C-alpha atoms as a PDB file:
ATOM      1  CA  MET A   1     -11.917  14.025 -21.459  1.00  0.00           C
ATOM      2  CA  GLY A   2      -8.411  14.035 -20.066  1.00  0.00           C
ATOM      3  CA  ARG A   3      -5.337  15.704 -21.481  1.00  0.00           C
ATOM      4  CA  TYR A   4      -3.336  12.491 -21.618  1.00  0.00           C
ATOM      5  CA  SER A   5      -3.797   9.267 -23.567  1.00  0.00           C
ATOM      6  CA  ALA A   6      -4.411   5.967 -21.808  1.00  0.00           C
ATOM      7  CA  GLU A   7      -0.777   5.048 -22.508  1.00  0.00           C
ATOM      8  CA  GLN A   8       0.485   8.271 -20.910  1.00  0.00           C
ATOM      9  CA  VAL A   9      -1.728   7.755 -17.854  1.00  0.00           C
ATOM     10  CA  GLN A  10      -0.204   4.291 -17.513  1.00  0.00           C
ATOM     11  CA  GLU A  11       3.285   5.795 -17.753  1.00  0.00           C
ATOM     12  CA  PHE A  12       2.507   8.210 -14.911  1.00  0.00           C
ATOM     13  CA  THR A  13       1.039   5.323 -12.907  1.00  0.00           C
ATOM     14  CA  GLN A  14       4.169   3.251 -13.412  1.00  0.00           C
ATOM     15  CA  GLU A  15       6.298   6.207 -12.355  1.00  0.00           C
ATOM     16  CA  VAL A  16       4.454   6.333  -9.022  1.00  0.00           C
ATOM     17  CA  LEU A  17       4.921   2.576  -8.618  1.00  0.00           C
ATOM     18  CA  ASP A  18       8.639   2.797  -9.416  1.00  0.00           C
ATOM     19  CA  SER A  19       9.656   6.153  -7.939  1.00  0.00           C
ATOM     20  CA  GLY A  20       6.934   6.876  -5.387  1.00  0.00           C
ATOM     21  CA  PHE A  21       5.678   9.992  -7.176  1.00  0.00           C
ATOM     22  CA  CYS A  22       5.027  11.649 -10.508  1.00  0.00           C
ATOM     23  CA  ILE A  23       4.362  15.234 -11.579  1.00  0.00           C
ATOM     24  CA  LEU A  24       1.781  16.426 -14.105  1.00  0.00           C
ATOM     25  CA  PRO A  25       3.230  19.715 -15.401  1.00  0.00           C
ATOM     26  CA  ARG A  26       1.021  22.821 -15.578  1.00  0.00           C
ATOM     27  CA  HIS A  27      -2.057  20.661 -15.202  1.00  0.00           C
ATOM     28  CA  PHE A  28      -4.411  22.898 -13.201  1.00  0.00           C
ATOM     29  CA  SER A  29      -5.680  26.377 -14.027  1.00  0.00           C
ATOM     30  CA  GLY A  30      -3.410  29.095 -12.674  1.00  0.00           C
ATOM     31  CA  GLU A  31      -6.393  31.448 -12.430  1.00  0.00           C
ATOM     32  CA  LYS A  32      -8.312  29.043 -10.181  1.00  0.00           C
ATOM     33  CA  LEU A  33      -5.239  28.430  -8.047  1.00  0.00           C
ATOM     34  CA  GLN A  34      -4.699  32.158  -7.598  1.00  0.00           C
ATOM     35  CA  ALA A  35      -8.320  32.503  -6.465  1.00  0.00           C
ATOM     36  CA  CYS A  36      -7.690  29.728  -3.925  1.00  0.00           C
ATOM     37  CA  ASN A  37      -4.595  31.501  -2.662  1.00  0.00           C
ATOM     38  CA  GLU A  38      -6.460  34.770  -2.156  1.00  0.00           C
ATOM     39  CA  ALA A  39      -9.221  33.003  -0.231  1.00  0.00           C
ATOM     40  CA  PHE A  40      -6.707  30.962   1.774  1.00  0.00           C
ATOM     41  CA  ARG A  41      -4.941  33.975   3.281  1.00  0.00           C
ATOM     42  CA  SER A  42      -7.702  34.680   5.789  1.00  0.00           C
ATOM     43  CA  LEU A  43      -8.024  30.972   6.666  1.00  0.00           C
ATOM     44  CA  LEU A  44      -4.325  30.820   7.479  1.00  0.00           C
ATOM     45  CA  GLU A  45      -4.456  33.994   9.550  1.00  0.00           C
ATOM     46  CA  ASP A  46      -7.425  32.670  11.545  1.00  0.00           C
ATOM     47  CA  HIS A  47      -5.703  29.321  12.042  1.00  0.00           C
ATOM     48  CA  ILE A  48      -2.518  30.927  13.349  1.00  0.00           C
ATOM     49  CA  LYS A  49      -4.499  33.109  15.763  1.00  0.00           C
ATOM     50  CA  ARG A  50      -6.569  30.152  16.976  1.00  0.00           C
ATOM     51  CA  GLU A  51      -4.005  27.381  17.344  1.00  0.00           C
ATOM     52  CA  GLY A  52      -0.724  28.653  16.000  1.00  0.00           C
ATOM     53  CA  GLN A  53       0.989  27.670  19.225  1.00  0.00           C
ATOM     54  CA  LEU A  54       0.556  23.987  18.323  1.00  0.00           C
ATOM     55  CA  GLN A  55       2.965  24.103  15.368  1.00  0.00           C
ATOM     56  CA  ASN A  56       2.674  20.335  15.174  1.00  0.00           C
ATOM     57  CA  ARG A  57       4.311  20.260  11.742  1.00  0.00           C
ATOM     58  CA  GLY A  58       7.359  22.082  13.096  1.00  0.00           C
ATOM     59  CA  PRO A  59       8.149  25.769  13.753  1.00  0.00           C
ATOM     60  CA  GLY A  60       6.438  28.138  11.333  1.00  0.00           C
ATOM     61  CA  ARG A  61       4.564  25.353   9.539  1.00  0.00           C
ATOM     62  CA  TYR A  62       0.779  24.940   9.588  1.00  0.00           C
ATOM     63  CA  TYR A  63      -1.657  22.221   8.557  1.00  0.00           C
ATOM     64  CA  VAL A  64      -5.058  23.711   7.715  1.00  0.00           C
ATOM     65  CA  THR A  65      -8.097  21.711   6.614  1.00  0.00           C
ATOM     66  CA  LEU A  66      -9.956  23.466   3.808  1.00  0.00           C
ATOM     67  CA  PRO A  67     -13.727  23.967   3.942  1.00  0.00           C
ATOM     68  CA  PHE A  68     -15.645  22.105   1.255  1.00  0.00           C
ATOM     69  CA  ILE A  69     -16.722  25.234  -0.601  1.00  0.00           C
ATOM     70  CA  LEU A  70     -15.500  27.037  -3.682  1.00  0.00           C
ATOM     71  CA  PRO A  71     -12.853  27.984  -4.598  1.00  0.00           C
ATOM     72  CA  PHE A  72     -11.271  25.125  -2.623  1.00  0.00           C
ATOM     73  CA  ALA A  73     -13.770  22.364  -3.443  1.00  0.00           C
ATOM     74  CA  GLU A  74     -13.195  22.758  -7.163  1.00  0.00           C
ATOM     75  CA  PRO A  75     -14.358  19.723  -9.182  1.00  0.00           C
ATOM     76  CA  ASP A  76     -11.724  20.501 -11.812  1.00  0.00           C
ATOM     77  CA  PHE A  77      -9.179  19.621  -9.131  1.00  0.00           C
ATOM     78  CA  TYR A  78     -10.509  16.509  -7.402  1.00  0.00           C
ATOM     79  CA  GLU A  79     -12.480  15.095 -10.382  1.00  0.00           C
ATOM     80  CA  ASP A  80      -9.801  15.667 -13.014  1.00  0.00           C
ATOM     81  CA  ASP A  81      -9.909  12.751 -15.469  1.00  0.00           C
ATOM     82  CA  ASP A  82      -6.144  12.291 -15.723  1.00  0.00           C
ATOM     83  CA  LEU A  83      -5.664  12.487 -11.970  1.00  0.00           C
ATOM     84  CA  LEU A  84      -8.445   9.991 -11.289  1.00  0.00           C
ATOM     85  CA  GLY A  85      -7.139   7.680 -14.005  1.00  0.00           C
ATOM     86  CA  ILE A  86      -3.834   7.441 -12.143  1.00  0.00           C
ATOM     87  CA  VAL A  87      -5.496   7.197  -8.719  1.00  0.00           C
ATOM     88  CA  TRP A  88      -7.834   4.425  -9.854  1.00  0.00           C
ATOM     89  CA  ALA A  89      -4.988   2.502 -11.451  1.00  0.00           C
ATOM     90  CA  LEU A  90      -3.107   2.605  -8.138  1.00  0.00           C
ATOM     91  CA  THR A  91      -5.878   2.132  -5.565  1.00  0.00           C
ATOM     92  CA  GLY A  92      -8.864   0.717  -7.497  1.00  0.00           C
ATOM     93  CA  THR A  93     -11.947   2.334  -8.970  1.00  0.00           C
ATOM     94  CA  ASP A  94     -13.718   2.185  -5.597  1.00  0.00           C
ATOM     95  CA  ALA A  95     -11.227   4.690  -4.138  1.00  0.00           C
ATOM     96  CA  VAL A  96     -12.480   7.407  -1.812  1.00  0.00           C
ATOM     97  CA  MET A  97     -11.453  11.025  -1.411  1.00  0.00           C
ATOM     98  CA  CYS A  98     -10.721  11.464   2.276  1.00  0.00           C
ATOM     99  CA  GLN A  99      -8.723  14.678   2.693  1.00  0.00           C
ATOM    100  CA  LEU A 100      -8.733  18.279   1.509  1.00  0.00           C
ATOM    101  CA  ALA A 101      -6.176  20.384   3.349  1.00  0.00           C
ATOM    102  CA  THR A 102      -2.996  22.456   3.099  1.00  0.00           C
ATOM    103  CA  ASP A 103       0.520  22.453   4.478  1.00  0.00           C
ATOM    104  CA  THR A 104       2.087  25.898   4.670  1.00  0.00           C
ATOM    105  CA  PRO A 105       5.548  26.948   5.845  1.00  0.00           C
ATOM    106  CA  VAL A 106       6.104  30.609   6.651  1.00  0.00           C
ATOM    107  CA  LEU A 107       9.167  32.642   7.526  1.00  0.00           C
ATOM    108  CA  GLY A 108      10.836  30.985  10.507  1.00  0.00           C
ATOM    109  CA  SER A 109      10.102  27.422   9.400  1.00  0.00           C
ATOM    110  CA  GLU A 110      12.849  24.817   9.572  1.00  0.00           C
ATOM    111  CA  TYR A 111      13.783  21.509   7.992  1.00  0.00           C
ATOM    112  CA  GLN A 112      11.429  18.749   9.051  1.00  0.00           C
ATOM    113  CA  GLN A 113      12.750  15.369  10.031  1.00  0.00           C
ATOM    114  CA  ILE A 114      12.630  12.911   7.155  1.00  0.00           C
ATOM    115  CA  HIS A 115       9.393  10.977   7.489  1.00  0.00           C
ATOM    116  CA  ARG A 116       6.495   9.145   5.877  1.00  0.00           C
ATOM    117  CA  ASP A 117       2.852  10.186   6.137  1.00  0.00           C
ATOM    118  CA  ALA A 118       1.523   6.753   7.122  1.00  0.00           C
ATOM    119  CA  PRO A 119       2.769   3.662   8.943  1.00  0.00           C
ATOM    120  CA  PRO A 120       3.004   0.318   7.107  1.00  0.00           C
ATOM    121  CA  LEU A 121      -0.223  -1.635   6.868  1.00  0.00           C
ATOM    122  CA  PHE A 122       1.315  -4.851   8.195  1.00  0.00           C
ATOM    123  CA  PRO A 123       4.530  -4.039  10.078  1.00  0.00           C
ATOM    124  CA  LYS A 124       5.024  -7.651  11.208  1.00  0.00           C
ATOM    125  CA  TRP A 125       5.039  -8.803   7.590  1.00  0.00           C
ATOM    126  CA  GLY A 126       8.458  -7.270   7.041  1.00  0.00           C
ATOM    127  CA  ARG A 127       7.848  -5.942   3.535  1.00  0.00           C
ATOM    128  CA  GLU A 128       5.816  -3.261   1.869  1.00  0.00           C
ATOM    129  CA  THR A 129       2.437  -3.578   0.164  1.00  0.00           C
ATOM    130  CA  PRO A 130       1.042  -1.993  -3.004  1.00  0.00           C
ATOM    131  CA  PRO A 131      -0.094   1.646  -2.589  1.00  0.00           C
ATOM    132  CA  PHE A 132      -2.830   2.269  -0.040  1.00  0.00           C
ATOM    133  CA  GLN A 133      -2.712   6.036   0.498  1.00  0.00           C
ATOM    134  CA  LEU A 134      -2.088   8.672  -2.149  1.00  0.00           C
ATOM    135  CA  ALA A 135      -1.525  12.384  -1.712  1.00  0.00           C
ATOM    136  CA  VAL A 136      -2.213  14.729  -4.600  1.00  0.00           C
ATOM    137  CA  ASN A 137      -0.208  17.899  -3.938  1.00  0.00           C
ATOM    138  CA  PHE A 138      -0.350  21.180  -5.803  1.00  0.00           C
ATOM    139  CA  PRO A 139       0.871  24.605  -4.675  1.00  0.00           C
ATOM    140  CA  LEU A 140      -1.127  27.836  -4.628  1.00  0.00           C
ATOM    141  CA  VAL A 141       2.024  29.788  -5.475  1.00  0.00           C
ATOM    142  CA  GLU A 142       5.177  28.996  -7.408  1.00  0.00           C
ATOM    143  CA  VAL A 143       7.487  26.790  -5.335  1.00  0.00           C
ATOM    144  CA  ARG A 144      11.094  27.960  -5.520  1.00  0.00           C
ATOM    145  CA  THR A 145      14.253  26.922  -3.723  1.00  0.00           C
ATOM    146  CA  ASP A 146      13.814  29.776  -1.232  1.00  0.00           C
ATOM    147  CA  ASN A 147      10.178  29.385  -0.147  1.00  0.00           C
ATOM    148  CA  GLY A 148      10.007  25.887   1.291  1.00  0.00           C
ATOM    149  CA  PRO A 149      10.174  23.253  -1.452  1.00  0.00           C
ATOM    150  CA  PHE A 150       9.575  19.586  -0.836  1.00  0.00           C
ATOM    151  CA  ASP A 151      12.495  17.116  -0.522  1.00  0.00           C
ATOM    152  CA  ILE A 152      11.729  13.505  -1.459  1.00  0.00           C
ATOM    153  CA  ALA A 153      13.802  10.330  -1.792  1.00  0.00           C
ATOM    154  CA  ARG A 154      12.839   8.498  -4.959  1.00  0.00           C
ATOM    155  CA  GLY A 155      12.040   4.802  -4.577  1.00  0.00           C
ATOM    156  CA  THR A 156      11.906   4.674  -0.773  1.00  0.00           C
ATOM    157  CA  HIS A 157       8.174   3.884  -0.654  1.00  0.00           C
ATOM    158  CA  MET A 158       8.858   0.172  -1.148  1.00  0.00           C
ATOM    159  CA  LEU A 159      11.532   0.035   1.554  1.00  0.00           C
ATOM    160  CA  SER A 160      10.926  -0.039   5.266  1.00  0.00           C
ATOM    161  CA  LYS A 161      11.482   3.326   6.903  1.00  0.00           C
ATOM    162  CA  GLU A 162      14.687   2.026   8.490  1.00  0.00           C
ATOM    163  CA  GLU A 163      16.005   0.711   5.163  1.00  0.00           C
ATOM    164  CA  GLY A 164      15.060   3.956   3.446  1.00  0.00           C
ATOM    165  CA  LEU A 165      16.804   6.115   6.034  1.00  0.00           C
ATOM    166  CA  ARG A 166      19.953   3.996   5.782  1.00  0.00           C
ATOM    167  CA  ALA A 167      19.860   4.367   1.993  1.00  0.00           C
ATOM    168  CA  VAL A 168      19.534   8.157   2.304  1.00  0.00           C
ATOM    169  CA  GLU A 169      22.307   8.396   4.879  1.00  0.00           C
ATOM    170  CA  SER A 170      24.642   6.251   2.744  1.00  0.00           C
ATOM    171  CA  GLY A 171      23.931   8.277  -0.386  1.00  0.00           C
ATOM    172  CA  GLU A 172      22.367   5.326  -2.197  1.00  0.00           C
ATOM    173  CA  LYS A 173      19.100   7.305  -2.272  1.00  0.00           C
ATOM    174  CA  LYS A 174      19.239  11.073  -2.780  1.00  0.00           C
ATOM    175  CA  LEU A 175      16.868  13.643  -1.353  1.00  0.00           C
ATOM    176  CA  GLU A 176      15.588  15.526  -4.401  1.00  0.00           C
ATOM    177  CA  THR A 177      14.318  19.098  -4.019  1.00  0.00           C
ATOM    178  CA  VAL A 178      11.069  19.516  -5.935  1.00  0.00           C
ATOM    179  CA  VAL A 179      10.348  23.010  -7.230  1.00  0.00           C
ATOM    180  CA  MET A 180       6.945  23.459  -8.847  1.00  0.00           C
ATOM    181  CA  GLN A 181       5.322  25.922 -11.175  1.00  0.00           C
ATOM    182  CA  LEU A 182       1.810  27.138 -10.510  1.00  0.00           C
ATOM    183  CA  GLY A 183      -0.433  24.433 -11.963  1.00  0.00           C
ATOM    184  CA  ASP A 184       1.975  21.515 -11.431  1.00  0.00           C
ATOM    185  CA  VAL A 185       0.421  18.494  -9.702  1.00  0.00           C
ATOM    186  CA  MET A 186       2.329  15.837  -7.773  1.00  0.00           C
ATOM    187  CA  ILE A 187       0.768  12.431  -7.138  1.00  0.00           C
ATOM    188  CA  ARG A 188       2.704  10.497  -4.518  1.00  0.00           C
ATOM    189  CA  ASP A 189       2.663   7.394  -2.398  1.00  0.00           C
ATOM    190  CA  VAL A 190       2.749   8.828   1.124  1.00  0.00           C
ATOM    191  CA  ARG A 191       5.320   6.221   2.209  1.00  0.00           C
ATOM    192  CA  ALA A 192       8.076   7.845   0.137  1.00  0.00           C
ATOM    193  CA  LEU A 193      10.513   9.443   2.572  1.00  0.00           C
ATOM    194  CA  HIS A 194      10.322  13.219   2.427  1.00  0.00           C
ATOM    195  CA  ARG A 195      10.591  16.433   4.412  1.00  0.00           C
ATOM    196  CA  GLY A 196       9.541  20.052   4.274  1.00  0.00           C
ATOM    197  CA  THR A 197      12.271  22.671   3.973  1.00  0.00           C
ATOM    198  CA  PRO A 198      12.498  26.240   5.339  1.00  0.00           C
ATOM    199  CA  ASN A 199      10.566  29.087   3.787  1.00  0.00           C
ATOM    200  CA  ARG A 200      13.050  31.959   3.851  1.00  0.00           C
ATOM    201  CA  THR A 201      10.685  34.520   2.341  1.00  0.00           C
ATOM    202  CA  SER A 202       8.018  36.758   3.849  1.00  0.00           C
ATOM    203  CA  GLU A 203       5.204  35.090   1.862  1.00  0.00           C
ATOM    204  CA  PRO A 204       3.501  31.832   2.915  1.00  0.00           C
ATOM    205  CA  ARG A 205       3.893  28.831   0.605  1.00  0.00           C
ATOM    206  CA  PRO A 206       0.580  26.913   0.733  1.00  0.00           C
ATOM    207  CA  MET A 207       0.532  23.376  -0.690  1.00  0.00           C
ATOM    208  CA  VAL A 208      -2.848  21.690  -1.118  1.00  0.00           C
ATOM    209  CA  VAL A 209      -3.216  17.993  -0.388  1.00  0.00           C
ATOM    210  CA  ILE A 210      -6.114  15.910  -1.640  1.00  0.00           C
ATOM    211  CA  GLY A 211      -6.033  12.420  -0.154  1.00  0.00           C
ATOM    212  CA  TYR A 212      -7.306   9.302  -1.892  1.00  0.00           C
ATOM    213  CA  SER A 213      -7.353   5.772  -0.535  1.00  0.00           C
ATOM    214  CA  PRO A 214      -9.035   2.414  -1.175  1.00  0.00           C
ATOM    215  CA  ARG A 215     -12.551   2.233   0.235  1.00  0.00           C
ATOM    216  CA  TRP A 216     -11.480  -0.112   3.050  1.00  0.00           C
ATOM    217  CA  LEU A 217      -8.881   2.229   4.551  1.00  0.00           C
ATOM    218  CA  PHE A 218     -10.247   4.493   7.270  1.00  0.00           C
ATOM    219  CA  ARG A 219      -8.006   7.087   8.892  1.00  0.00           C
ATOM    220  CA  PRO A 220     -10.163   8.853  11.486  1.00  0.00           C
ATOM    221  CA  GLU A 221      -7.820  11.839  11.791  1.00  0.00           C
ATOM    222  CA  VAL A 222      -8.678  13.008   8.263  1.00  0.00           C
ATOM    223  CA  SER A 223     -12.085  13.635   6.754  1.00  0.00           C
ATOM    224  CA  ILE A 224     -14.002  16.191   4.715  1.00  0.00           C
ATOM    225  CA  GLN A 225     -17.170  17.694   6.120  1.00  0.00           C
ATOM    226  CA  ILE A 226     -19.693  18.043   3.298  1.00  0.00           C
ATOM    227  CA  PRO A 227     -22.403  20.725   3.675  1.00  0.00           C
ATOM    228  CA  ARG A 228     -25.791  19.172   3.010  1.00  0.00           C
ATOM    229  CA  ALA A 229     -26.648  22.080   0.715  1.00  0.00           C
ATOM    230  CA  ALA A 230     -23.695  21.170  -1.507  1.00  0.00           C
ATOM    231  CA  LEU A 231     -24.864  17.620  -2.200  1.00  0.00           C
ATOM    232  CA  ALA A 232     -27.303  18.599  -4.946  1.00  0.00           C
ATOM    233  CA  SER A 233     -24.575  20.348  -6.918  1.00  0.00           C
ATOM    234  CA  LEU A 234     -22.167  17.393  -6.826  1.00  0.00           C
ATOM    235  CA  SER A 235     -21.802  15.087  -9.777  1.00  0.00           C
ATOM    236  CA  GLU A 236     -22.589  11.408  -9.338  1.00  0.00           C
ATOM    237  CA  ARG A 237     -18.863  10.677  -9.463  1.00  0.00           C
ATOM    238  CA  ALA A 238     -18.120  13.300  -6.790  1.00  0.00           C
ATOM    239  CA  ARG A 239     -20.778  11.871  -4.482  1.00  0.00           C
ATOM    240  CA  TYR A 240     -19.216   8.443  -4.943  1.00  0.00           C
ATOM    241  CA  LEU A 241     -15.709   9.716  -4.189  1.00  0.00           C
ATOM    242  CA  LEU A 242     -16.942  11.508  -1.065  1.00  0.00           C
ATOM    243  CA  ARG A 243     -19.444   8.864   0.061  1.00  0.00           C
ATOM    244  CA  PHE A 244     -17.860   8.049   3.434  1.00  0.00           C
ATOM    245  CA  ASN A 245     -17.332  11.627   4.588  1.00  0.00           C
ATOM    246  CA  PRO A 246     -19.637  13.204   7.201  1.00  0.00           C
ATOM    247  CA  ILE A 247     -22.530  15.409   6.073  1.00  0.00           C
ATOM    248  CA  VAL A 248     -23.047  18.557   8.138  1.00  0.00           C
ATOM    249  CA  GLU A 249     -25.920  21.027   8.124  1.00  0.00           C
ATOM    250  CA  SER A 250     -23.499  23.937   8.149  1.00  0.00           C
ATOM    251  CA  LEU A 251     -19.759  24.430   7.989  1.00  0.00           C
ATOM    252  CA  ASN A 252     -20.185  26.477  11.149  1.00  0.00           C
ATOM    253  CA  ASP A 253     -20.552  23.087  12.835  1.00  0.00           C
ATOM    254  CA  ARG A 254     -16.918  22.284  12.058  1.00  0.00           C
ATOM    255  CA  SER A 255     -14.594  21.787  14.993  1.00  0.00           C
ATOM    256  CA  GLY A 256     -12.265  24.702  15.549  1.00  0.00           C
ATOM    257  CA  THR A 257      -9.306  22.417  16.245  1.00  0.00           C
ATOM    258  CA  GLU A 258      -7.339  20.338  13.759  1.00  0.00           C
ATOM    259  CA  VAL A 259      -7.503  16.685  14.769  1.00  0.00           C
ATOM    260  CA  TYR A 260      -4.779  15.521  12.368  1.00  0.00           C
ATOM    261  CA  GLN A 261      -1.908  16.020  14.774  1.00  0.00           C
ATOM    262  CA  SER A 262       0.281  12.902  14.391  1.00  0.00           C
ATOM    263  CA  PHE A 263       1.531  13.046  10.832  1.00  0.00           C
ATOM    264  CA  ALA A 264       5.089  11.673  10.714  1.00  0.00           C
ATOM    265  CA  TYR A 265       5.831   7.933  10.677  1.00  0.00           C
END
């Protein structure tokens, strides 16, 4: 049972269609998010030691895939009724969950270039399509103006990148800085122009991303490795959402290198 009525879910859905994103305020458990943040610290440290020189998201900014174990693989996050109601309304009820990861700026990070997270489906067509890739973002700490908030240009998801950039440069479209409380959840069309901003504090600012897409969209650079032992504990709905992801005997089999390197379009 979701928190919102069917009418409210439709309002959030329409907001994504119109603006490119919506925010569900204080939607997830702060206690569970704090547990994720504690567990994430060692993952981030290991990542920086292993491949911190890549910095493919920009200086002092790290993309880290999360292992499909608790506290990260929390059904209350990726199976939330309200969240899925919006996702299904935008991408269809046969949508798949294809990504579970984090983006984290630390001290020394800079402004990213304004970008999208996916190219257009049919660039020769000359116009945009309905949504085909959604990112569900939620922070593991409070997001303030000083620790690397997200800037996004409302309504640019239905413009070409070139048109969107011209609209931002002319002032027709404004870059909005999105601060978030612990528990806030953003659902966005990844084509909306956006950028990361500098974290000027000594504490990392991890932002989780759960990716959903229609069943026919395959992006080989993102996937979730599902431990075979975890299958029995998954709900029928979770198994359906995750049905195209690889099954591994052990998470020790995971590659030590992030393959999602090209991210800005």
